[in-house]
Amino acid sequence: MDLLTVEHVAKQYAGHKALDDVSLAVPRGSVYGLLGPNGAGKTTLIRIINRITAPDSGRVLLEGRELAPVDTRRIGYLPEERGLYKKMKVGEQALFFARLKGLSRRDAVARLKQWFVKFGIEGWWDKKVEELSKGMAQKVQFIVTVLHEPELLIFDEPFSGFDPINANLLKEEILTLRDKGATIIFSTHNMSSVEEICDHIALIDKSRNILSGNVDEIRRRHGANIFEVDYRGDEQALRAALAGRCEVLEGAEGETIYRSLKLHVADDADVRPVIAAANEAVELRSFREIIPSMNDIFIRAVGGKL
């Protein structure tokens, strides 16, 4: 069942159409990537989901009913623009935000202590926010976002300002939250992160949803029927056997006695005959499809070449 549904949402600002008839469905218990170039409309959609602004038309449903003000307690939002008060102490500020989310002081302190230990920042409690680096402050804000254990978490560019080690720590925590039942909307420009943690995606471009679905299905659906064959034997004999069955794109020397060829097989029905012909000509080591990366698909989709 879908936890969140966006139906035909449109939003315009002073002659600029930020969103144009955008619809999407976020499955419960998944990590849903919200992708798109700068200015595509992602942040506007996130603001509408958080009830920071209202759509001109369309609606947002949570568990099949229209999103209401009380539902904001069920959402945790980490915006791209960080919002900590620089003069406050870290612990004092974290408690303040936790109380705003409805936690008692006792529960908030207990949960914060656990998270601070988990992130290795237990010594920061009495530091002022202005003493922290950008990455340190972001850890605090991430903790504040997830502390009340909301059903829906929305992260807008959560890895900005993190080194690779801390970015990986955050990825692991996001996946752990998903495994515990949270539904996560994840807005990013980092396509490698999409492949690592996202189950589903929507690609917003020029204010419209131009591509959405399961990540693995999208990658397979938009493959170009390119295959790579590793073999041992005579390359000319292999090329002769494949002539008329497929297009040989390029060849390369292997690291050992094996070599490889890239092939374009135009029709799916021709794949098995190509394998059979290759196997007759040389000793096959492997024959595999080259699945495009999300980065390739992103570039092709935004460029209108998908």
C-alpha atoms as a PDB file:
ATOM      1  CA  MET A   1       0.000   0.000   0.000  1.00  0.00           C
ATOM      2  CA  ASP A   2       1.163   3.536  -0.746  1.00  0.00           C
ATOM      3  CA  LEU A   3       1.723   5.755   2.287  1.00  0.00           C
ATOM      4  CA  LEU A   4       1.789   9.024   0.326  1.00  0.00           C
ATOM      5  CA  THR A   5       0.069   9.899  -2.953  1.00  0.00           C
ATOM      6  CA  VAL A   6       0.434  13.113  -4.930  1.00  0.00           C
ATOM      7  CA  GLU A   7      -2.403  13.687  -7.407  1.00  0.00           C
ATOM      8  CA  HIS A   8      -2.185  16.201 -10.274  1.00  0.00           C
ATOM      9  CA  VAL A   9      -0.434  18.876  -8.216  1.00  0.00           C
ATOM     10  CA  ALA A  10       0.257  22.233  -9.858  1.00  0.00           C
ATOM     11  CA  LYS A  11       1.910  25.349  -8.430  1.00  0.00           C
ATOM     12  CA  GLN A  12       2.771  28.681 -10.040  1.00  0.00           C
ATOM     13  CA  TYR A  13       4.759  31.658  -8.734  1.00  0.00           C
ATOM     14  CA  ALA A  14       4.520  35.044 -10.482  1.00  0.00           C
ATOM     15  CA  GLY A  15       4.462  33.671 -13.998  1.00  0.00           C
ATOM     16  CA  HIS A  16       6.778  30.720 -13.256  1.00  0.00           C
ATOM     17  CA  LYS A  17       5.171  27.282 -13.241  1.00  0.00           C
ATOM     18  CA  ALA A  18       7.001  25.357 -10.502  1.00  0.00           C
ATOM     19  CA  LEU A  19       4.889  22.192 -10.800  1.00  0.00           C
ATOM     20  CA  ASP A  20       2.696  21.137 -13.700  1.00  0.00           C
ATOM     21  CA  ASP A  21       0.240  18.264 -13.107  1.00  0.00           C
ATOM     22  CA  VAL A  22       2.654  16.173 -11.013  1.00  0.00           C
ATOM     23  CA  SER A  23       1.474  12.794  -9.714  1.00  0.00           C
ATOM     24  CA  LEU A  24       3.404  10.121  -7.862  1.00  0.00           C
ATOM     25  CA  ALA A  25       2.894   7.348  -5.308  1.00  0.00           C
ATOM     26  CA  VAL A  26       5.335   6.565  -2.486  1.00  0.00           C
ATOM     27  CA  PRO A  27       5.096   2.932  -1.291  1.00  0.00           C
ATOM     28  CA  ARG A  28       5.043   2.371   2.462  1.00  0.00           C
ATOM     29  CA  GLY A  29       8.376   1.231   3.907  1.00  0.00           C
ATOM     30  CA  SER A  30      10.471   2.297   0.917  1.00  0.00           C
ATOM     31  CA  VAL A  31      13.181   4.831   0.107  1.00  0.00           C
ATOM     32  CA  TYR A  32      11.765   7.024  -2.661  1.00  0.00           C
ATOM     33  CA  GLY A  33      14.235   9.146  -4.608  1.00  0.00           C
ATOM     34  CA  LEU A  34      13.031  12.542  -5.804  1.00  0.00           C
ATOM     35  CA  LEU A  35      15.389  13.495  -8.614  1.00  0.00           C
ATOM     36  CA  GLY A  36      15.791  16.338 -11.057  1.00  0.00           C
ATOM     37  CA  PRO A  37      18.042  19.207 -12.136  1.00  0.00           C
ATOM     38  CA  ASN A  38      18.143  22.511 -10.255  1.00  0.00           C
ATOM     39  CA  GLY A  39      14.925  24.456 -10.611  1.00  0.00           C
ATOM     40  CA  ALA A  40      12.898  21.413 -11.691  1.00  0.00           C
ATOM     41  CA  GLY A  41      10.334  21.768  -8.894  1.00  0.00           C
ATOM     42  CA  LYS A  42      11.542  19.205  -6.322  1.00  0.00           C
ATOM     43  CA  THR A  43      11.775  21.621  -3.396  1.00  0.00           C
ATOM     44  CA  THR A  44       8.365  23.091  -4.180  1.00  0.00           C
ATOM     45  CA  LEU A  45       6.850  19.602  -4.084  1.00  0.00           C
ATOM     46  CA  ILE A  46       8.578  18.857  -0.780  1.00  0.00           C
ATOM     47  CA  ARG A  47       7.229  22.101   0.683  1.00  0.00           C
ATOM     48  CA  ILE A  48       3.714  21.171  -0.416  1.00  0.00           C
ATOM     49  CA  ILE A  49       4.010  17.726   1.188  1.00  0.00           C
ATOM     50  CA  ASN A  50       5.146  19.430   4.416  1.00  0.00           C
ATOM     51  CA  ARG A  51       2.235  21.910   4.220  1.00  0.00           C
ATOM     52  CA  ILE A  52       4.688  24.817   4.152  1.00  0.00           C
ATOM     53  CA  THR A  53       2.917  25.995   1.025  1.00  0.00           C
ATOM     54  CA  ALA A  54      -0.312  24.908  -0.689  1.00  0.00           C
ATOM     55  CA  PRO A  55      -0.800  23.698  -4.269  1.00  0.00           C
ATOM     56  CA  ASP A  56      -2.841  25.776  -6.719  1.00  0.00           C
ATOM     57  CA  SER A  57      -4.601  22.559  -7.731  1.00  0.00           C
ATOM     58  CA  GLY A  58      -4.371  18.853  -7.022  1.00  0.00           C
ATOM     59  CA  ARG A  59      -4.007  17.192  -3.639  1.00  0.00           C
ATOM     60  CA  VAL A  60      -1.677  15.196  -1.388  1.00  0.00           C
ATOM     61  CA  LEU A  61      -3.018  12.069   0.339  1.00  0.00           C
ATOM     62  CA  LEU A  62      -1.593  10.320   3.379  1.00  0.00           C
ATOM     63  CA  GLU A  63      -2.882   6.761   3.697  1.00  0.00           C
ATOM     64  CA  GLY A  64      -5.629   7.538   1.219  1.00  0.00           C
ATOM     65  CA  ARG A  65      -6.988  10.691   2.870  1.00  0.00           C
ATOM     66  CA  GLU A  66      -6.145  14.305   2.246  1.00  0.00           C
ATOM     67  CA  LEU A  67      -3.150  15.560   4.207  1.00  0.00           C
ATOM     68  CA  ALA A  68      -4.258  17.525   7.296  1.00  0.00           C
ATOM     69  CA  PRO A  69      -2.387  19.944   9.623  1.00  0.00           C
ATOM     70  CA  VAL A  70      -2.224  17.301  12.374  1.00  0.00           C
ATOM     71  CA  ASP A  71      -0.286  15.009  10.020  1.00  0.00           C
ATOM     72  CA  THR A  72       2.822  17.173  10.252  1.00  0.00           C
ATOM     73  CA  ARG A  73       3.572  15.378  13.546  1.00  0.00           C
ATOM     74  CA  ARG A  74       3.946  12.187  11.485  1.00  0.00           C
ATOM     75  CA  ILE A  75       6.572  13.778   9.215  1.00  0.00           C
ATOM     76  CA  GLY A  76      10.252  14.481   9.805  1.00  0.00           C
ATOM     77  CA  TYR A  77      11.822  17.015   7.426  1.00  0.00           C
ATOM     78  CA  LEU A  78      15.521  17.762   6.916  1.00  0.00           C
ATOM     79  CA  PRO A  79      15.644  20.758   4.547  1.00  0.00           C
ATOM     80  CA  GLU A  80      18.588  21.593   2.328  1.00  0.00           C
ATOM     81  CA  GLU A  81      18.805  24.977   4.050  1.00  0.00           C
ATOM     82  CA  ARG A  82      19.927  24.063   7.567  1.00  0.00           C
ATOM     83  CA  GLY A  83      18.127  25.821  10.423  1.00  0.00           C
ATOM     84  CA  LEU A  84      19.964  25.596  13.738  1.00  0.00           C
ATOM     85  CA  TYR A  85      20.316  28.578  16.080  1.00  0.00           C
ATOM     86  CA  LYS A  86      24.031  29.329  16.216  1.00  0.00           C
ATOM     87  CA  LYS A  87      24.138  30.851  19.715  1.00  0.00           C
ATOM     88  CA  MET A  88      22.301  27.994  21.443  1.00  0.00           C
ATOM     89  CA  LYS A  89      24.047  24.987  22.923  1.00  0.00           C
ATOM     90  CA  VAL A  90      23.678  21.756  20.951  1.00  0.00           C
ATOM     91  CA  GLY A  91      21.897  19.772  23.682  1.00  0.00           C
ATOM     92  CA  GLU A  92      19.614  22.646  24.617  1.00  0.00           C
ATOM     93  CA  GLN A  93      18.619  23.163  20.999  1.00  0.00           C
ATOM     94  CA  ALA A  94      18.058  19.465  20.311  1.00  0.00           C
ATOM     95  CA  LEU A  95      15.774  19.301  23.352  1.00  0.00           C
ATOM     96  CA  PHE A  96      13.875  22.352  22.144  1.00  0.00           C
ATOM     97  CA  PHE A  97      13.112  20.760  18.768  1.00  0.00           C
ATOM     98  CA  ALA A  98      12.258  17.421  20.379  1.00  0.00           C
ATOM     99  CA  ARG A  99       9.683  19.095  22.641  1.00  0.00           C
ATOM    100  CA  LEU A 100       8.158  20.812  19.601  1.00  0.00           C
ATOM    101  CA  LYS A 101       7.606  17.340  18.132  1.00  0.00           C
ATOM    102  CA  GLY A 102       5.649  16.278  21.215  1.00  0.00           C
ATOM    103  CA  LEU A 103       8.280  14.360  23.185  1.00  0.00           C
ATOM    104  CA  SER A 104       8.478  14.712  26.965  1.00  0.00           C
ATOM    105  CA  ARG A 105      11.748  16.082  28.320  1.00  0.00           C
ATOM    106  CA  ARG A 106      12.585  12.714  29.854  1.00  0.00           C
ATOM    107  CA  ASP A 107      12.015  10.771  26.612  1.00  0.00           C
ATOM    108  CA  ALA A 108      13.792  13.411  24.555  1.00  0.00           C
ATOM    109  CA  VAL A 109      16.929  13.333  26.738  1.00  0.00           C
ATOM    110  CA  ALA A 110      17.028   9.520  26.687  1.00  0.00           C
ATOM    111  CA  ARG A 111      16.673   9.321  22.909  1.00  0.00           C
ATOM    112  CA  LEU A 112      19.131  12.145  22.268  1.00  0.00           C
ATOM    113  CA  LYS A 113      21.785  10.512  24.457  1.00  0.00           C
ATOM    114  CA  GLN A 114      21.412   7.271  22.446  1.00  0.00           C
ATOM    115  CA  TRP A 115      21.723   9.065  19.107  1.00  0.00           C
ATOM    116  CA  PHE A 116      24.648  11.218  20.259  1.00  0.00           C
ATOM    117  CA  VAL A 117      26.550   8.078  21.296  1.00  0.00           C
ATOM    118  CA  LYS A 118      25.660   6.350  18.011  1.00  0.00           C
ATOM    119  CA  PHE A 119      27.026   9.297  16.008  1.00  0.00           C
ATOM    120  CA  GLY A 120      30.049   9.742  18.274  1.00  0.00           C
ATOM    121  CA  ILE A 121      29.099  13.264  19.328  1.00  0.00           C
ATOM    122  CA  GLU A 122      28.344  12.777  23.033  1.00  0.00           C
ATOM    123  CA  GLY A 123      30.960  15.442  23.847  1.00  0.00           C
ATOM    124  CA  TRP A 124      29.074  18.123  21.911  1.00  0.00           C
ATOM    125  CA  TRP A 125      26.137  18.532  24.295  1.00  0.00           C
ATOM    126  CA  ASP A 126      27.366  21.806  25.824  1.00  0.00           C
ATOM    127  CA  LYS A 127      29.023  23.219  22.700  1.00  0.00           C
ATOM    128  CA  LYS A 128      27.432  26.121  20.851  1.00  0.00           C
ATOM    129  CA  VAL A 129      26.244  25.397  17.326  1.00  0.00           C
ATOM    130  CA  GLU A 130      28.549  28.108  15.950  1.00  0.00           C
ATOM    131  CA  GLU A 131      31.522  26.028  17.160  1.00  0.00           C
ATOM    132  CA  LEU A 132      30.544  23.092  14.916  1.00  0.00           C
ATOM    133  CA  SER A 133      31.606  22.426  11.360  1.00  0.00           C
ATOM    134  CA  LYS A 134      28.946  22.167   8.671  1.00  0.00           C
ATOM    135  CA  GLY A 135      29.069  18.374   8.791  1.00  0.00           C
ATOM    136  CA  MET A 136      28.846  18.300  12.592  1.00  0.00           C
ATOM    137  CA  ALA A 137      25.835  20.604  12.589  1.00  0.00           C
ATOM    138  CA  GLN A 138      24.206  18.419   9.975  1.00  0.00           C
ATOM    139  CA  LYS A 139      24.556  15.366  12.216  1.00  0.00           C
ATOM    140  CA  VAL A 140      22.685  17.239  14.940  1.00  0.00           C
ATOM    141  CA  GLN A 141      19.937  18.280  12.562  1.00  0.00           C
ATOM    142  CA  PHE A 142      19.582  14.722  11.219  1.00  0.00           C
ATOM    143  CA  ILE A 143      19.123  13.462  14.787  1.00  0.00           C
ATOM    144  CA  VAL A 144      16.502  16.118  15.502  1.00  0.00           C
ATOM    145  CA  THR A 145      14.658  15.152  12.306  1.00  0.00           C
ATOM    146  CA  VAL A 146      14.345  11.444  13.156  1.00  0.00           C
ATOM    147  CA  LEU A 147      14.131  11.658  16.959  1.00  0.00           C
ATOM    148  CA  HIS A 148      10.319  11.480  17.240  1.00  0.00           C
ATOM    149  CA  GLU A 149      10.299   8.392  14.986  1.00  0.00           C
ATOM    150  CA  PRO A 150       7.957   9.756  12.285  1.00  0.00           C
ATOM    151  CA  GLU A 151       6.302   7.490   9.726  1.00  0.00           C
ATOM    152  CA  LEU A 152       7.414   9.707   6.834  1.00  0.00           C
ATOM    153  CA  LEU A 153      10.916  11.180   6.618  1.00  0.00           C
ATOM    154  CA  ILE A 154      11.902  13.722   3.981  1.00  0.00           C
ATOM    155  CA  PHE A 155      15.601  14.404   3.391  1.00  0.00           C
ATOM    156  CA  ASP A 156      16.609  17.172   0.976  1.00  0.00           C
ATOM    157  CA  GLU A 157      20.261  16.697  -0.087  1.00  0.00           C
ATOM    158  CA  PRO A 158      21.173  15.028   3.239  1.00  0.00           C
ATOM    159  CA  PHE A 159      24.791  14.255   2.276  1.00  0.00           C
ATOM    160  CA  SER A 160      25.738  17.863   1.538  1.00  0.00           C
ATOM    161  CA  GLY A 161      28.771  18.809   3.636  1.00  0.00           C
ATOM    162  CA  PHE A 162      29.645  15.242   4.635  1.00  0.00           C
ATOM    163  CA  ASP A 163      32.923  13.445   4.000  1.00  0.00           C
ATOM    164  CA  PRO A 164      32.624   9.905   2.511  1.00  0.00           C
ATOM    165  CA  ILE A 165      32.854   8.179   5.914  1.00  0.00           C
ATOM    166  CA  ASN A 166      30.039  10.211   7.482  1.00  0.00           C
ATOM    167  CA  ALA A 167      27.984  10.083   4.282  1.00  0.00           C
ATOM    168  CA  ASN A 168      28.176   6.284   4.468  1.00  0.00           C
ATOM    169  CA  LEU A 169      27.165   6.399   8.142  1.00  0.00           C
ATOM    170  CA  LEU A 170      24.109   8.428   7.185  1.00  0.00           C
ATOM    171  CA  LYS A 171      23.211   6.025   4.358  1.00  0.00           C
ATOM    172  CA  GLU A 172      23.312   3.112   6.776  1.00  0.00           C
ATOM    173  CA  GLU A 173      21.057   4.950   9.220  1.00  0.00           C
ATOM    174  CA  ILE A 174      18.573   5.801   6.470  1.00  0.00           C
ATOM    175  CA  LEU A 175      18.381   2.134   5.433  1.00  0.00           C
ATOM    176  CA  THR A 176      17.993   1.087   9.080  1.00  0.00           C
ATOM    177  CA  LEU A 177      15.097   3.522   9.493  1.00  0.00           C
ATOM    178  CA  ARG A 178      13.470   2.053   6.383  1.00  0.00           C
ATOM    179  CA  ASP A 179      13.937  -1.480   7.694  1.00  0.00           C
ATOM    180  CA  LYS A 180      12.224  -0.435  10.934  1.00  0.00           C
ATOM    181  CA  GLY A 181       9.167   0.680   8.948  1.00  0.00           C
ATOM    182  CA  ALA A 182       9.761   4.336   8.067  1.00  0.00           C
ATOM    183  CA  THR A 183       8.934   5.626   4.596  1.00  0.00           C
ATOM    184  CA  ILE A 184      11.599   7.961   3.240  1.00  0.00           C
ATOM    185  CA  ILE A 185      11.575  10.584   0.490  1.00  0.00           C
ATOM    186  CA  PHE A 186      15.129  11.359  -0.517  1.00  0.00           C
ATOM    187  CA  SER A 187      15.960  14.324  -2.759  1.00  0.00           C
ATOM    188  CA  THR A 188      19.455  14.341  -4.242  1.00  0.00           C
ATOM    189  CA  HIS A 189      21.652  15.029  -7.249  1.00  0.00           C
ATOM    190  CA  ASN A 190      23.971  12.148  -6.347  1.00  0.00           C
ATOM    191  CA  MET A 191      23.016   9.311  -8.701  1.00  0.00           C
ATOM    192  CA  SER A 192      25.330   6.767  -7.057  1.00  0.00           C
ATOM    193  CA  SER A 193      23.419   7.293  -3.799  1.00  0.00           C
ATOM    194  CA  VAL A 194      20.179   6.642  -5.666  1.00  0.00           C
ATOM    195  CA  GLU A 195      21.387   3.229  -6.818  1.00  0.00           C
ATOM    196  CA  GLU A 196      22.682   2.381  -3.345  1.00  0.00           C
ATOM    197  CA  ILE A 197      19.626   3.227  -1.238  1.00  0.00           C
ATOM    198  CA  CYS A 198      16.538   4.055  -3.326  1.00  0.00           C
ATOM    199  CA  ASP A 199      13.832   1.484  -4.034  1.00  0.00           C
ATOM    200  CA  HIS A 200      11.740   3.777  -6.260  1.00  0.00           C
ATOM    201  CA  ILE A 201      12.278   7.160  -7.923  1.00  0.00           C
ATOM    202  CA  ALA A 202      10.475  10.016  -9.605  1.00  0.00           C
ATOM    203  CA  LEU A 203      12.394  12.277 -11.999  1.00  0.00           C
ATOM    204  CA  ILE A 204      11.057  15.838 -12.127  1.00  0.00           C
ATOM    205  CA  ASP A 205      12.141  18.010 -15.054  1.00  0.00           C
ATOM    206  CA  LYS A 206      10.719  21.334 -16.202  1.00  0.00           C
ATOM    207  CA  SER A 207       8.012  21.076 -13.523  1.00  0.00           C
ATOM    208  CA  ARG A 208       6.710  17.680 -14.674  1.00  0.00           C
ATOM    209  CA  ASN A 209       7.191  14.079 -13.596  1.00  0.00           C
ATOM    210  CA  ILE A 210       8.848  12.551 -16.658  1.00  0.00           C
ATOM    211  CA  LEU A 211       9.896   9.189 -15.231  1.00  0.00           C
ATOM    212  CA  SER A 212       8.935   7.141 -12.161  1.00  0.00           C
ATOM    213  CA  GLY A 213       8.975   3.582 -10.876  1.00  0.00           C
ATOM    214  CA  ASN A 214      11.129   0.901  -9.297  1.00  0.00           C
ATOM    215  CA  VAL A 215      14.857   1.657  -9.731  1.00  0.00           C
ATOM    216  CA  ASP A 216      15.854  -1.815 -10.976  1.00  0.00           C
ATOM    217  CA  GLU A 217      12.910  -1.960 -13.387  1.00  0.00           C
ATOM    218  CA  ILE A 218      13.717   1.490 -14.783  1.00  0.00           C
ATOM    219  CA  ARG A 219      17.358   0.558 -15.350  1.00  0.00           C
ATOM    220  CA  ARG A 220      16.392  -2.632 -17.163  1.00  0.00           C
ATOM    221  CA  ARG A 221      13.585  -1.000 -19.117  1.00  0.00           C
ATOM    222  CA  HIS A 222      15.897   1.666 -20.467  1.00  0.00           C
ATOM    223  CA  GLY A 223      18.783  -0.606 -21.301  1.00  0.00           C
ATOM    224  CA  ALA A 224      19.994  -0.383 -24.888  1.00  0.00           C
ATOM    225  CA  ASN A 225      20.346  -4.148 -25.469  1.00  0.00           C
ATOM    226  CA  ILE A 226      24.107  -3.890 -25.048  1.00  0.00           C
ATOM    227  CA  PHE A 227      25.888  -7.056 -23.942  1.00  0.00           C
ATOM    228  CA  GLU A 228      29.459  -7.917 -23.050  1.00  0.00           C
ATOM    229  CA  VAL A 229      30.943 -11.304 -23.819  1.00  0.00           C
ATOM    230  CA  ASP A 230      34.158 -12.610 -22.236  1.00  0.00           C
ATOM    231  CA  TYR A 231      35.792 -15.415 -24.183  1.00  0.00           C
ATOM    232  CA  ARG A 232      38.951 -17.337 -24.956  1.00  0.00           C
ATOM    233  CA  GLY A 233      39.763 -18.088 -28.573  1.00  0.00           C
ATOM    234  CA  ASP A 234      40.111 -16.465 -31.973  1.00  0.00           C
ATOM    235  CA  GLU A 235      38.499 -13.029 -32.238  1.00  0.00           C
ATOM    236  CA  GLN A 236      38.095 -13.208 -36.007  1.00  0.00           C
ATOM    237  CA  ALA A 237      36.308 -16.548 -35.726  1.00  0.00           C
ATOM    238  CA  LEU A 238      33.948 -15.019 -33.146  1.00  0.00           C
ATOM    239  CA  ARG A 239      33.266 -11.951 -35.278  1.00  0.00           C
ATOM    240  CA  ALA A 240      32.552 -14.171 -38.281  1.00  0.00           C
ATOM    241  CA  ALA A 241      30.116 -16.288 -36.229  1.00  0.00           C
ATOM    242  CA  LEU A 242      28.277 -13.178 -35.045  1.00  0.00           C
ATOM    243  CA  ALA A 243      28.094 -11.478 -38.457  1.00  0.00           C
ATOM    244  CA  GLY A 244      24.495 -10.769 -39.389  1.00  0.00           C
ATOM    245  CA  ARG A 245      23.241 -11.695 -35.906  1.00  0.00           C
ATOM    246  CA  CYS A 246      24.310  -8.603 -33.965  1.00  0.00           C
ATOM    247  CA  GLU A 247      26.511  -5.512 -34.133  1.00  0.00           C
ATOM    248  CA  VAL A 248      29.990  -5.737 -32.636  1.00  0.00           C
ATOM    249  CA  LEU A 249      30.650  -2.392 -30.944  1.00  0.00           C
ATOM    250  CA  GLU A 250      34.156  -2.750 -29.546  1.00  0.00           C
ATOM    251  CA  GLY A 251      36.664  -5.265 -28.301  1.00  0.00           C
ATOM    252  CA  ALA A 252      39.273  -5.225 -25.577  1.00  0.00           C
ATOM    253  CA  GLU A 253      42.126  -7.357 -24.335  1.00  0.00           C
ATOM    254  CA  GLY A 254      41.307  -9.064 -21.068  1.00  0.00           C
ATOM    255  CA  GLU A 255      43.507  -8.984 -17.963  1.00  0.00           C
ATOM    256  CA  THR A 256      44.283 -12.695 -18.424  1.00  0.00           C
ATOM    257  CA  ILE A 257      43.936 -15.040 -21.385  1.00  0.00           C
ATOM    258  CA  TYR A 258      40.329 -13.921 -21.801  1.00  0.00           C
ATOM    259  CA  ARG A 259      39.189 -11.135 -24.102  1.00  0.00           C
ATOM    260  CA  SER A 260      35.905  -9.253 -24.293  1.00  0.00           C
ATOM    261  CA  LEU A 261      33.585  -7.851 -26.935  1.00  0.00           C
ATOM    262  CA  LYS A 262      30.665  -5.485 -26.568  1.00  0.00           C
ATOM    263  CA  LEU A 263      27.661  -6.331 -28.716  1.00  0.00           C
ATOM    264  CA  HIS A 264      24.391  -4.695 -29.635  1.00  0.00           C
ATOM    265  CA  VAL A 265      21.628  -7.255 -30.067  1.00  0.00           C
ATOM    266  CA  ALA A 266      18.697  -5.406 -31.637  1.00  0.00           C
ATOM    267  CA  ASP A 267      15.967  -7.924 -30.802  1.00  0.00           C
ATOM    268  CA  ASP A 268      15.541  -9.794 -27.507  1.00  0.00           C
ATOM    269  CA  ALA A 269      14.651 -12.912 -29.466  1.00  0.00           C
ATOM    270  CA  ASP A 270      18.142 -12.910 -31.004  1.00  0.00           C
ATOM    271  CA  VAL A 271      20.011 -13.105 -27.680  1.00  0.00           C
ATOM    272  CA  ARG A 272      19.949 -16.894 -27.359  1.00  0.00           C
ATOM    273  CA  PRO A 273      21.025 -17.501 -30.996  1.00  0.00           C
ATOM    274  CA  VAL A 274      23.901 -15.035 -30.480  1.00  0.00           C
ATOM    275  CA  ILE A 275      25.023 -16.926 -27.366  1.00  0.00           C
ATOM    276  CA  ALA A 276      24.807 -20.235 -29.234  1.00  0.00           C
ATOM    277  CA  ALA A 277      26.798 -18.916 -32.206  1.00  0.00           C
ATOM    278  CA  ALA A 278      29.473 -17.451 -29.931  1.00  0.00           C
ATOM    279  CA  ASN A 279      29.725 -20.670 -27.971  1.00  0.00           C
ATOM    280  CA  GLU A 280      30.357 -22.620 -31.166  1.00  0.00           C
ATOM    281  CA  ALA A 281      33.164 -20.281 -32.249  1.00  0.00           C
ATOM    282  CA  VAL A 282      35.055 -19.718 -28.989  1.00  0.00           C
ATOM    283  CA  GLU A 283      35.149 -20.755 -25.342  1.00  0.00           C
ATOM    284  CA  LEU A 284      32.682 -18.503 -23.521  1.00  0.00           C
ATOM    285  CA  ARG A 285      33.481 -17.303 -20.030  1.00  0.00           C
ATOM    286  CA  SER A 286      30.486 -14.992 -19.552  1.00  0.00           C
ATOM    287  CA  PHE A 287      27.725 -13.243 -21.466  1.00  0.00           C
ATOM    288  CA  ARG A 288      25.970 -10.423 -19.621  1.00  0.00           C
ATOM    289  CA  GLU A 289      23.747  -7.452 -20.280  1.00  0.00           C
ATOM    290  CA  ILE A 290      25.174  -4.007 -19.521  1.00  0.00           C
ATOM    291  CA  ILE A 291      22.491  -2.235 -17.474  1.00  0.00           C
ATOM    292  CA  PRO A 292      22.640   1.584 -17.685  1.00  0.00           C
ATOM    293  CA  SER A 293      23.368   3.507 -14.494  1.00  0.00           C
ATOM    294  CA  MET A 294      20.849   5.946 -13.036  1.00  0.00           C
ATOM    295  CA  ASN A 295      23.291   8.704 -13.963  1.00  0.00           C
ATOM    296  CA  ASP A 296      23.105   7.676 -17.643  1.00  0.00           C
ATOM    297  CA  ILE A 297      19.312   7.492 -17.494  1.00  0.00           C
ATOM    298  CA  PHE A 298      19.114  10.886 -15.737  1.00  0.00           C
ATOM    299  CA  ILE A 299      21.224  12.564 -18.432  1.00  0.00           C
ATOM    300  CA  ARG A 300      19.296  10.916 -21.267  1.00  0.00           C
ATOM    301  CA  ALA A 301      15.906  11.721 -19.741  1.00  0.00           C
ATOM    302  CA  VAL A 302      16.684  15.379 -19.000  1.00  0.00           C
ATOM    303  CA  GLY A 303      18.245  15.716 -22.457  1.00  0.00           C
ATOM    304  CA  GLY A 304      15.098  14.345 -24.082  1.00  0.00           C
ATOM    305  CA  LYS A 305      16.936  11.280 -25.439  1.00  0.00           C
ATOM    306  CA  LEU A 306      15.321   8.563 -23.340  1.00  0.00           C
END
